[in-house]
């Protein structure tokens, strides 16, 4: 049996691993995704009634300029109705008050998508945070 020496120089025997029961079934009804929000009640839903084409950019304006170092794939992200993340190109305009999202691949016609803006990952240029996480749902129609 191997011996482990910790940083204080004390020797101790490693514990024997405890056997576990084999897994017969795997529940695949919930895909594993580290970005998709666990609790949608933390997000305020905004209305969005525009026709979105296969590569239509979507711009969102804020009342204050954003810290552009926090405008990234962790603060702005889009998922389709099957919880697949859509890769985006993000850009800013209007002195940092407007963020434009464009999909790297086309949106599928008739499919529903949700934009998430995470208040915990986004900061204003003055160091403040936005008050509420936002969720905007749209359906592509072309």
N, C-alpha and C. Protein backbone atom coordinates (compact mmCIF):
# COMPACT_ATOMS: atom_id res chain seq x y z
N UNK A 1 0.84 -1.17 0.00
CA UNK A 1 0.00 0.00 0.00
C UNK A 1 0.89 1.24 0.00
N UNK A 2 0.49 2.24 -0.73
CA UNK A 2 1.25 3.48 -0.82
C UNK A 2 1.05 4.31 0.43
N UNK A 3 2.03 5.11 0.73
CA UNK A 3 1.94 6.02 1.86
C UNK A 3 1.92 7.44 1.31
N UNK A 4 1.15 8.27 1.95
CA UNK A 4 1.04 9.66 1.52
C UNK A 4 1.66 10.51 2.60
N UNK A 5 2.52 11.44 2.21
CA UNK A 5 3.12 12.37 3.16
C UNK A 5 2.53 13.74 2.86
N UNK A 6 1.85 14.31 3.87
CA UNK A 6 1.27 15.63 3.63
C UNK A 6 2.32 16.71 3.87
N UNK A 7 1.97 17.96 3.67
CA UNK A 7 2.94 19.04 3.74
C UNK A 7 3.54 19.23 5.12
N UNK A 8 2.90 18.72 6.18
CA UNK A 8 3.46 18.85 7.53
C UNK A 8 4.43 17.72 7.84
N UNK A 9 4.60 16.78 6.90
CA UNK A 9 5.54 15.69 7.10
C UNK A 9 4.94 14.49 7.80
N UNK A 10 3.66 14.53 8.14
CA UNK A 10 3.03 13.42 8.84
C UNK A 10 2.64 12.34 7.83
N UNK A 11 2.88 11.11 8.21
CA UNK A 11 2.47 9.98 7.36
C UNK A 11 1.09 9.52 7.76
N UNK A 12 0.30 9.12 6.80
CA UNK A 12 -0.99 8.52 7.11
C UNK A 12 -1.36 7.56 5.99
N UNK A 13 -2.16 6.59 6.34
CA UNK A 13 -2.62 5.60 5.37
C UNK A 13 -3.79 6.20 4.60
N UNK A 14 -3.80 6.09 3.28
CA UNK A 14 -4.97 6.57 2.53
C UNK A 14 -6.16 5.68 2.82
N UNK A 15 -7.35 6.31 2.81
CA UNK A 15 -8.56 5.54 3.04
C UNK A 15 -8.87 4.68 1.82
N UNK A 16 -9.41 3.50 2.10
CA UNK A 16 -9.83 2.63 1.01
C UNK A 16 -11.06 3.24 0.35
N UNK A 17 -11.15 3.21 -0.97
CA UNK A 17 -12.35 3.75 -1.62
C UNK A 17 -13.57 2.93 -1.26
N UNK A 18 -14.69 3.63 -1.13
CA UNK A 18 -15.96 2.98 -0.82
C UNK A 18 -16.64 2.60 -2.12
N UNK A 19 -17.02 1.33 -2.28
CA UNK A 19 -17.70 0.95 -3.53
C UNK A 19 -19.07 1.62 -3.62
N UNK A 20 -19.46 1.93 -4.83
CA UNK A 20 -20.78 2.53 -5.06
C UNK A 20 -21.60 1.60 -5.93
N UNK A 21 -22.90 1.82 -5.88
CA UNK A 21 -23.81 1.01 -6.69
C UNK A 21 -23.67 1.43 -8.15
N UNK A 22 -23.69 0.49 -9.09
CA UNK A 22 -23.63 0.87 -10.50
C UNK A 22 -24.91 1.61 -10.91
N UNK A 23 -24.76 2.50 -11.86
CA UNK A 23 -25.90 3.25 -12.37
C UNK A 23 -26.48 2.49 -13.54
N UNK A 24 -27.76 2.10 -13.39
CA UNK A 24 -28.42 1.35 -14.45
C UNK A 24 -29.03 2.28 -15.50
N UNK A 25 -29.52 3.45 -15.06
CA UNK A 25 -30.19 4.37 -15.97
C UNK A 25 -29.60 5.75 -15.82
N UNK A 26 -29.59 6.48 -16.89
CA UNK A 26 -29.17 7.87 -16.86
C UNK A 26 -30.34 8.70 -17.35
N UNK A 27 -30.75 9.69 -16.54
CA UNK A 27 -31.85 10.56 -16.92
C UNK A 27 -31.28 11.66 -17.82
N UNK A 28 -31.62 11.62 -19.10
CA UNK A 28 -31.12 12.60 -20.05
C UNK A 28 -32.15 13.67 -20.36
N UNK A 29 -33.17 13.80 -19.54
CA UNK A 29 -34.21 14.77 -19.81
C UNK A 29 -33.74 16.20 -19.57
N UNK A 30 -32.69 16.38 -18.79
CA UNK A 30 -32.16 17.71 -18.52
C UNK A 30 -30.71 17.76 -18.99
N UNK A 31 -30.45 18.43 -20.11
CA UNK A 31 -29.07 18.49 -20.59
C UNK A 31 -28.20 19.25 -19.60
N UNK A 32 -26.96 18.85 -19.50
CA UNK A 32 -26.02 19.53 -18.61
C UNK A 32 -25.49 20.74 -19.35
N UNK A 33 -25.69 21.91 -18.77
CA UNK A 33 -25.19 23.14 -19.36
C UNK A 33 -24.87 24.08 -18.22
N UNK A 34 -23.65 24.53 -18.14
CA UNK A 34 -23.26 25.35 -17.01
C UNK A 34 -23.71 26.80 -17.12
N UNK A 35 -24.23 27.23 -18.26
CA UNK A 35 -24.69 28.60 -18.40
C UNK A 35 -26.20 28.75 -18.31
N UNK A 36 -26.95 27.74 -18.73
CA UNK A 36 -28.40 27.89 -18.76
C UNK A 36 -28.90 28.11 -17.33
N UNK A 37 -29.67 29.17 -17.09
CA UNK A 37 -30.09 29.49 -15.72
C UNK A 37 -30.91 28.39 -15.07
N UNK A 38 -30.59 28.10 -13.81
CA UNK A 38 -31.36 27.12 -13.05
C UNK A 38 -32.69 27.69 -12.60
N UNK A 39 -32.73 28.98 -12.34
CA UNK A 39 -33.94 29.62 -11.81
C UNK A 39 -34.32 30.80 -12.70
N UNK A 40 -35.27 30.58 -13.58
CA UNK A 40 -35.67 31.64 -14.50
C UNK A 40 -36.42 32.77 -13.81
N UNK A 41 -36.88 32.54 -12.57
CA UNK A 41 -37.58 33.60 -11.85
C UNK A 41 -36.64 34.75 -11.50
N UNK A 42 -35.34 34.53 -11.60
CA UNK A 42 -34.36 35.59 -11.34
C UNK A 42 -34.23 36.54 -12.53
N UNK A 43 -34.86 36.20 -13.65
CA UNK A 43 -34.76 37.00 -14.87
C UNK A 43 -36.09 37.68 -15.15
N UNK A 44 -36.04 38.99 -15.45
CA UNK A 44 -37.24 39.72 -15.84
C UNK A 44 -37.42 39.56 -17.34
N UNK A 45 -38.60 39.16 -17.74
CA UNK A 45 -38.89 38.94 -19.15
C UNK A 45 -39.28 40.26 -19.81
N UNK A 46 -38.64 40.57 -20.93
CA UNK A 46 -38.97 41.78 -21.69
C UNK A 46 -39.71 41.38 -22.96
N UNK A 47 -40.72 42.17 -23.34
CA UNK A 47 -41.44 41.86 -24.58
C UNK A 47 -40.56 42.15 -25.79
N UNK A 48 -40.73 41.35 -26.83
CA UNK A 48 -39.95 41.52 -28.05
C UNK A 48 -40.79 41.01 -29.21
N UNK A 49 -41.35 41.91 -29.98
CA UNK A 49 -42.27 41.52 -31.05
C UNK A 49 -41.73 41.95 -32.41
N UNK A 50 -40.58 41.43 -32.79
CA UNK A 50 -39.98 41.76 -34.07
C UNK A 50 -39.74 40.49 -34.86
N UNK A 51 -39.80 40.60 -36.17
CA UNK A 51 -39.45 39.47 -37.02
C UNK A 51 -37.93 39.35 -37.05
N UNK A 52 -37.43 38.19 -36.75
CA UNK A 52 -35.99 37.95 -36.73
C UNK A 52 -35.65 37.02 -37.88
N UNK A 53 -34.78 37.49 -38.75
CA UNK A 53 -34.34 36.68 -39.88
C UNK A 53 -33.23 35.73 -39.46
N UNK A 54 -32.68 35.03 -40.44
CA UNK A 54 -31.71 33.98 -40.12
C UNK A 54 -30.42 34.51 -39.51
N UNK A 55 -30.06 35.76 -39.78
CA UNK A 55 -28.84 36.34 -39.20
C UNK A 55 -29.08 37.77 -38.70
N UNK A 56 -30.30 38.08 -38.33
CA UNK A 56 -30.63 39.43 -37.90
C UNK A 56 -29.90 39.80 -36.62
N UNK A 57 -29.17 40.91 -36.62
CA UNK A 57 -28.56 41.36 -35.36
C UNK A 57 -29.63 41.93 -34.44
N UNK A 58 -29.46 41.75 -33.16
CA UNK A 58 -30.39 42.28 -32.16
C UNK A 58 -29.62 43.23 -31.28
N UNK A 59 -30.11 44.46 -31.16
CA UNK A 59 -29.45 45.48 -30.34
C UNK A 59 -30.27 45.75 -29.10
N UNK A 60 -29.58 45.88 -27.98
CA UNK A 60 -30.22 46.18 -26.70
C UNK A 60 -29.55 47.42 -26.14
N UNK A 61 -30.36 48.43 -25.82
CA UNK A 61 -29.83 49.68 -25.30
C UNK A 61 -30.05 49.77 -23.80
N UNK A 62 -29.08 50.37 -23.12
CA UNK A 62 -29.12 50.55 -21.67
C UNK A 62 -29.11 52.04 -21.38
N UNK A 63 -29.58 52.42 -20.19
CA UNK A 63 -29.64 53.83 -19.82
C UNK A 63 -28.28 54.38 -19.43
N UNK A 64 -27.32 53.52 -19.20
CA UNK A 64 -25.97 53.95 -18.84
C UNK A 64 -24.96 53.16 -19.66
N UNK A 65 -23.77 53.71 -19.79
CA UNK A 65 -22.71 53.01 -20.53
C UNK A 65 -22.27 51.78 -19.74
N UNK A 66 -21.93 50.73 -20.47
CA UNK A 66 -21.48 49.48 -19.85
C UNK A 66 -19.96 49.40 -19.84
N UNK A 67 -19.43 48.68 -18.87
CA UNK A 67 -18.01 48.34 -18.84
C UNK A 67 -17.82 47.27 -19.90
N UNK A 68 -17.20 47.61 -21.01
CA UNK A 68 -17.13 46.69 -22.14
C UNK A 68 -16.30 45.45 -21.84
N UNK A 69 -15.48 45.48 -20.80
CA UNK A 69 -14.74 44.26 -20.44
C UNK A 69 -15.67 43.21 -19.85
N UNK A 70 -16.88 43.61 -19.45
CA UNK A 70 -17.85 42.65 -18.90
C UNK A 70 -18.90 42.23 -19.92
N UNK A 71 -18.84 42.79 -21.12
CA UNK A 71 -19.77 42.41 -22.19
C UNK A 71 -19.13 41.24 -22.93
N UNK A 72 -19.57 40.03 -22.61
CA UNK A 72 -18.95 38.83 -23.18
C UNK A 72 -19.95 37.68 -23.15
N UNK A 73 -19.48 36.47 -23.46
CA UNK A 73 -20.35 35.30 -23.55
C UNK A 73 -20.90 34.85 -22.20
N UNK A 74 -20.43 35.45 -21.10
CA UNK A 74 -20.96 35.11 -19.78
C UNK A 74 -22.02 36.09 -19.31
N UNK A 75 -22.04 37.28 -19.88
CA UNK A 75 -23.07 38.25 -19.50
C UNK A 75 -24.20 38.32 -20.53
N UNK A 76 -23.92 38.02 -21.79
CA UNK A 76 -24.93 37.98 -22.86
C UNK A 76 -24.85 36.62 -23.52
N UNK A 77 -25.94 35.88 -23.50
CA UNK A 77 -25.93 34.57 -24.16
C UNK A 77 -27.33 34.23 -24.64
N UNK A 78 -27.38 33.34 -25.66
CA UNK A 78 -28.64 32.96 -26.30
C UNK A 78 -28.72 31.43 -26.35
N UNK A 79 -29.90 30.92 -26.02
CA UNK A 79 -30.16 29.48 -26.13
C UNK A 79 -31.38 29.27 -27.02
N UNK A 80 -31.38 28.15 -27.74
CA UNK A 80 -32.58 27.81 -28.50
C UNK A 80 -33.55 27.05 -27.59
N UNK A 81 -34.69 26.66 -28.12
CA UNK A 81 -35.74 26.01 -27.32
C UNK A 81 -35.30 24.65 -26.77
N UNK A 82 -34.23 24.08 -27.31
CA UNK A 82 -33.71 22.80 -26.82
C UNK A 82 -32.53 22.99 -25.87
N UNK A 83 -32.31 24.22 -25.43
CA UNK A 83 -31.23 24.61 -24.52
C UNK A 83 -29.84 24.43 -25.13
N UNK A 84 -29.74 24.59 -26.44
CA UNK A 84 -28.44 24.62 -27.12
C UNK A 84 -27.98 26.06 -27.18
N UNK A 85 -26.76 26.31 -26.76
CA UNK A 85 -26.25 27.67 -26.79
C UNK A 85 -25.91 28.08 -28.22
N UNK A 86 -26.25 29.32 -28.56
CA UNK A 86 -25.97 29.90 -29.87
C UNK A 86 -24.77 30.82 -29.72
N UNK A 87 -23.74 30.58 -30.51
CA UNK A 87 -22.55 31.44 -30.45
C UNK A 87 -22.87 32.79 -31.06
N UNK A 88 -22.38 33.84 -30.41
CA UNK A 88 -22.67 35.21 -30.82
C UNK A 88 -21.40 35.99 -31.09
N UNK A 89 -21.55 37.02 -31.91
CA UNK A 89 -20.56 38.07 -32.02
C UNK A 89 -21.19 39.28 -31.34
N UNK A 90 -20.49 39.86 -30.36
CA UNK A 90 -21.01 41.00 -29.61
C UNK A 90 -20.24 42.25 -30.02
N UNK A 91 -20.97 43.35 -30.17
CA UNK A 91 -20.33 44.63 -30.45
C UNK A 91 -21.07 45.71 -29.67
N UNK A 92 -20.44 46.87 -29.55
CA UNK A 92 -21.07 47.96 -28.81
C UNK A 92 -21.09 49.21 -29.66
N UNK A 93 -22.01 50.09 -29.31
CA UNK A 93 -22.11 51.39 -29.97
C UNK A 93 -22.75 52.36 -28.99
N UNK A 94 -22.97 53.59 -29.45
CA UNK A 94 -23.65 54.59 -28.63
C UNK A 94 -22.91 54.83 -27.32
N UNK A 95 -21.58 54.90 -27.39
CA UNK A 95 -20.79 55.17 -26.19
C UNK A 95 -20.86 54.08 -25.15
N UNK A 96 -21.07 52.85 -25.58
CA UNK A 96 -21.15 51.72 -24.64
C UNK A 96 -22.54 51.49 -24.08
N UNK A 97 -23.53 52.23 -24.57
CA UNK A 97 -24.90 52.06 -24.07
C UNK A 97 -25.70 51.03 -24.85
N UNK A 98 -25.22 50.64 -26.02
CA UNK A 98 -25.93 49.67 -26.85
C UNK A 98 -25.03 48.49 -27.15
N UNK A 99 -25.56 47.29 -26.95
CA UNK A 99 -24.85 46.05 -27.28
C UNK A 99 -25.63 45.37 -28.40
N UNK A 100 -24.91 44.98 -29.44
CA UNK A 100 -25.53 44.28 -30.57
C UNK A 100 -25.01 42.85 -30.61
N UNK A 101 -25.96 41.92 -30.73
CA UNK A 101 -25.64 40.49 -30.78
C UNK A 101 -25.98 39.97 -32.16
N UNK A 102 -25.04 39.29 -32.77
CA UNK A 102 -25.30 38.67 -34.07
C UNK A 102 -24.89 37.20 -33.97
N UNK A 103 -25.76 36.29 -34.43
CA UNK A 103 -25.40 34.87 -34.35
C UNK A 103 -24.27 34.54 -35.32
N UNK A 104 -23.35 33.67 -34.90
CA UNK A 104 -22.28 33.22 -35.80
C UNK A 104 -22.83 32.25 -36.84
N UNK A 105 -23.86 31.51 -36.48
CA UNK A 105 -24.57 30.62 -37.40
C UNK A 105 -26.00 31.16 -37.53
N UNK A 106 -26.70 30.75 -38.55
CA UNK A 106 -28.05 31.28 -38.76
C UNK A 106 -29.03 30.72 -37.73
N UNK A 107 -30.04 31.54 -37.41
CA UNK A 107 -31.16 31.06 -36.61
C UNK A 107 -32.00 30.15 -37.50
N UNK A 108 -32.59 29.11 -36.92
CA UNK A 108 -33.46 28.23 -37.69
C UNK A 108 -34.86 28.83 -37.77
N UNK A 109 -35.46 28.79 -38.95
CA UNK A 109 -36.79 29.35 -39.16
C UNK A 109 -37.81 28.64 -38.27
N UNK A 110 -38.62 29.44 -37.57
CA UNK A 110 -39.69 28.91 -36.75
C UNK A 110 -39.27 28.45 -35.37
N UNK A 111 -37.99 28.55 -35.04
CA UNK A 111 -37.50 28.09 -33.75
C UNK A 111 -37.49 29.25 -32.75
N UNK A 112 -37.74 28.94 -31.49
CA UNK A 112 -37.78 29.95 -30.44
C UNK A 112 -36.42 30.03 -29.75
N UNK A 113 -35.99 31.25 -29.48
CA UNK A 113 -34.69 31.51 -28.84
C UNK A 113 -34.90 32.44 -27.66
N UNK A 114 -34.00 32.35 -26.69
CA UNK A 114 -34.06 33.24 -25.53
C UNK A 114 -32.69 33.87 -25.31
N UNK A 115 -32.69 35.19 -25.21
CA UNK A 115 -31.50 35.96 -24.87
C UNK A 115 -31.49 36.11 -23.36
N UNK A 116 -30.35 35.86 -22.74
CA UNK A 116 -30.18 36.08 -21.31
C UNK A 116 -29.11 37.14 -21.10
N UNK A 117 -29.40 38.09 -20.21
CA UNK A 117 -28.43 39.10 -19.82
C UNK A 117 -28.29 38.97 -18.31
N UNK A 118 -27.12 38.53 -17.88
CA UNK A 118 -26.90 38.17 -16.48
C UNK A 118 -26.34 39.36 -15.69
N UNK A 119 -27.15 39.86 -14.75
CA UNK A 119 -26.74 41.02 -13.96
C UNK A 119 -25.50 40.75 -13.11
N UNK A 120 -25.26 39.50 -12.76
CA UNK A 120 -24.11 39.18 -11.92
C UNK A 120 -22.79 39.24 -12.67
N UNK A 121 -22.85 39.22 -14.00
CA UNK A 121 -21.64 39.21 -14.81
C UNK A 121 -21.40 40.53 -15.54
N UNK A 122 -22.35 41.45 -15.46
CA UNK A 122 -22.31 42.69 -16.23
C UNK A 122 -22.18 43.89 -15.30
N UNK A 123 -21.33 44.83 -15.67
CA UNK A 123 -21.16 46.04 -14.87
C UNK A 123 -21.31 47.28 -15.76
N UNK A 124 -21.73 48.36 -15.12
CA UNK A 124 -21.78 49.65 -15.80
C UNK A 124 -20.36 50.22 -15.83
N UNK A 125 -20.13 51.17 -16.72
CA UNK A 125 -18.81 51.79 -16.84
C UNK A 125 -18.40 52.48 -15.55
N UNK A 126 -19.38 52.94 -14.76
CA UNK A 126 -19.07 53.61 -13.49
C UNK A 126 -18.85 52.61 -12.35
N UNK A 127 -18.86 51.30 -12.65
CA UNK A 127 -18.62 50.27 -11.63
C UNK A 127 -19.88 49.68 -11.04
N UNK A 128 -21.03 50.31 -11.28
CA UNK A 128 -22.29 49.78 -10.75
C UNK A 128 -22.76 48.56 -11.52
N UNK A 129 -23.80 47.94 -11.00
CA UNK A 129 -24.38 46.76 -11.66
C UNK A 129 -25.76 47.11 -12.20
N UNK A 130 -26.20 46.36 -13.19
CA UNK A 130 -27.58 46.52 -13.61
C UNK A 130 -28.45 45.88 -12.53
N UNK A 131 -29.66 46.37 -12.38
CA UNK A 131 -30.47 45.95 -11.23
C UNK A 131 -31.13 44.59 -11.40
N UNK A 132 -31.38 44.17 -12.63
CA UNK A 132 -32.13 42.93 -12.86
C UNK A 132 -31.54 42.16 -14.03
N UNK A 133 -31.48 40.85 -13.89
CA UNK A 133 -31.14 40.01 -15.03
C UNK A 133 -32.32 40.02 -15.99
N UNK A 134 -32.04 39.97 -17.28
CA UNK A 134 -33.09 40.09 -18.29
C UNK A 134 -33.17 38.85 -19.15
N UNK A 135 -34.37 38.59 -19.66
CA UNK A 135 -34.63 37.45 -20.52
C UNK A 135 -35.55 37.94 -21.65
N UNK A 136 -35.12 37.73 -22.89
CA UNK A 136 -35.89 38.18 -24.04
C UNK A 136 -36.08 36.99 -24.97
N UNK A 137 -37.33 36.62 -25.21
CA UNK A 137 -37.63 35.46 -26.05
C UNK A 137 -38.16 35.92 -27.40
N UNK A 138 -37.68 35.27 -28.46
CA UNK A 138 -38.14 35.59 -29.80
C UNK A 138 -38.18 34.32 -30.65
N UNK A 139 -38.93 34.39 -31.72
CA UNK A 139 -39.01 33.28 -32.67
C UNK A 139 -38.50 33.78 -34.01
N UNK A 140 -37.61 33.02 -34.63
CA UNK A 140 -37.12 33.41 -35.95
C UNK A 140 -38.23 33.19 -36.97
N UNK A 141 -38.33 34.10 -37.91
CA UNK A 141 -39.41 34.04 -38.89
C UNK A 141 -38.91 34.63 -40.20
N UNK A 142 -38.57 33.77 -41.13
CA UNK A 142 -38.10 34.25 -42.43
C UNK A 142 -38.54 33.33 -43.54
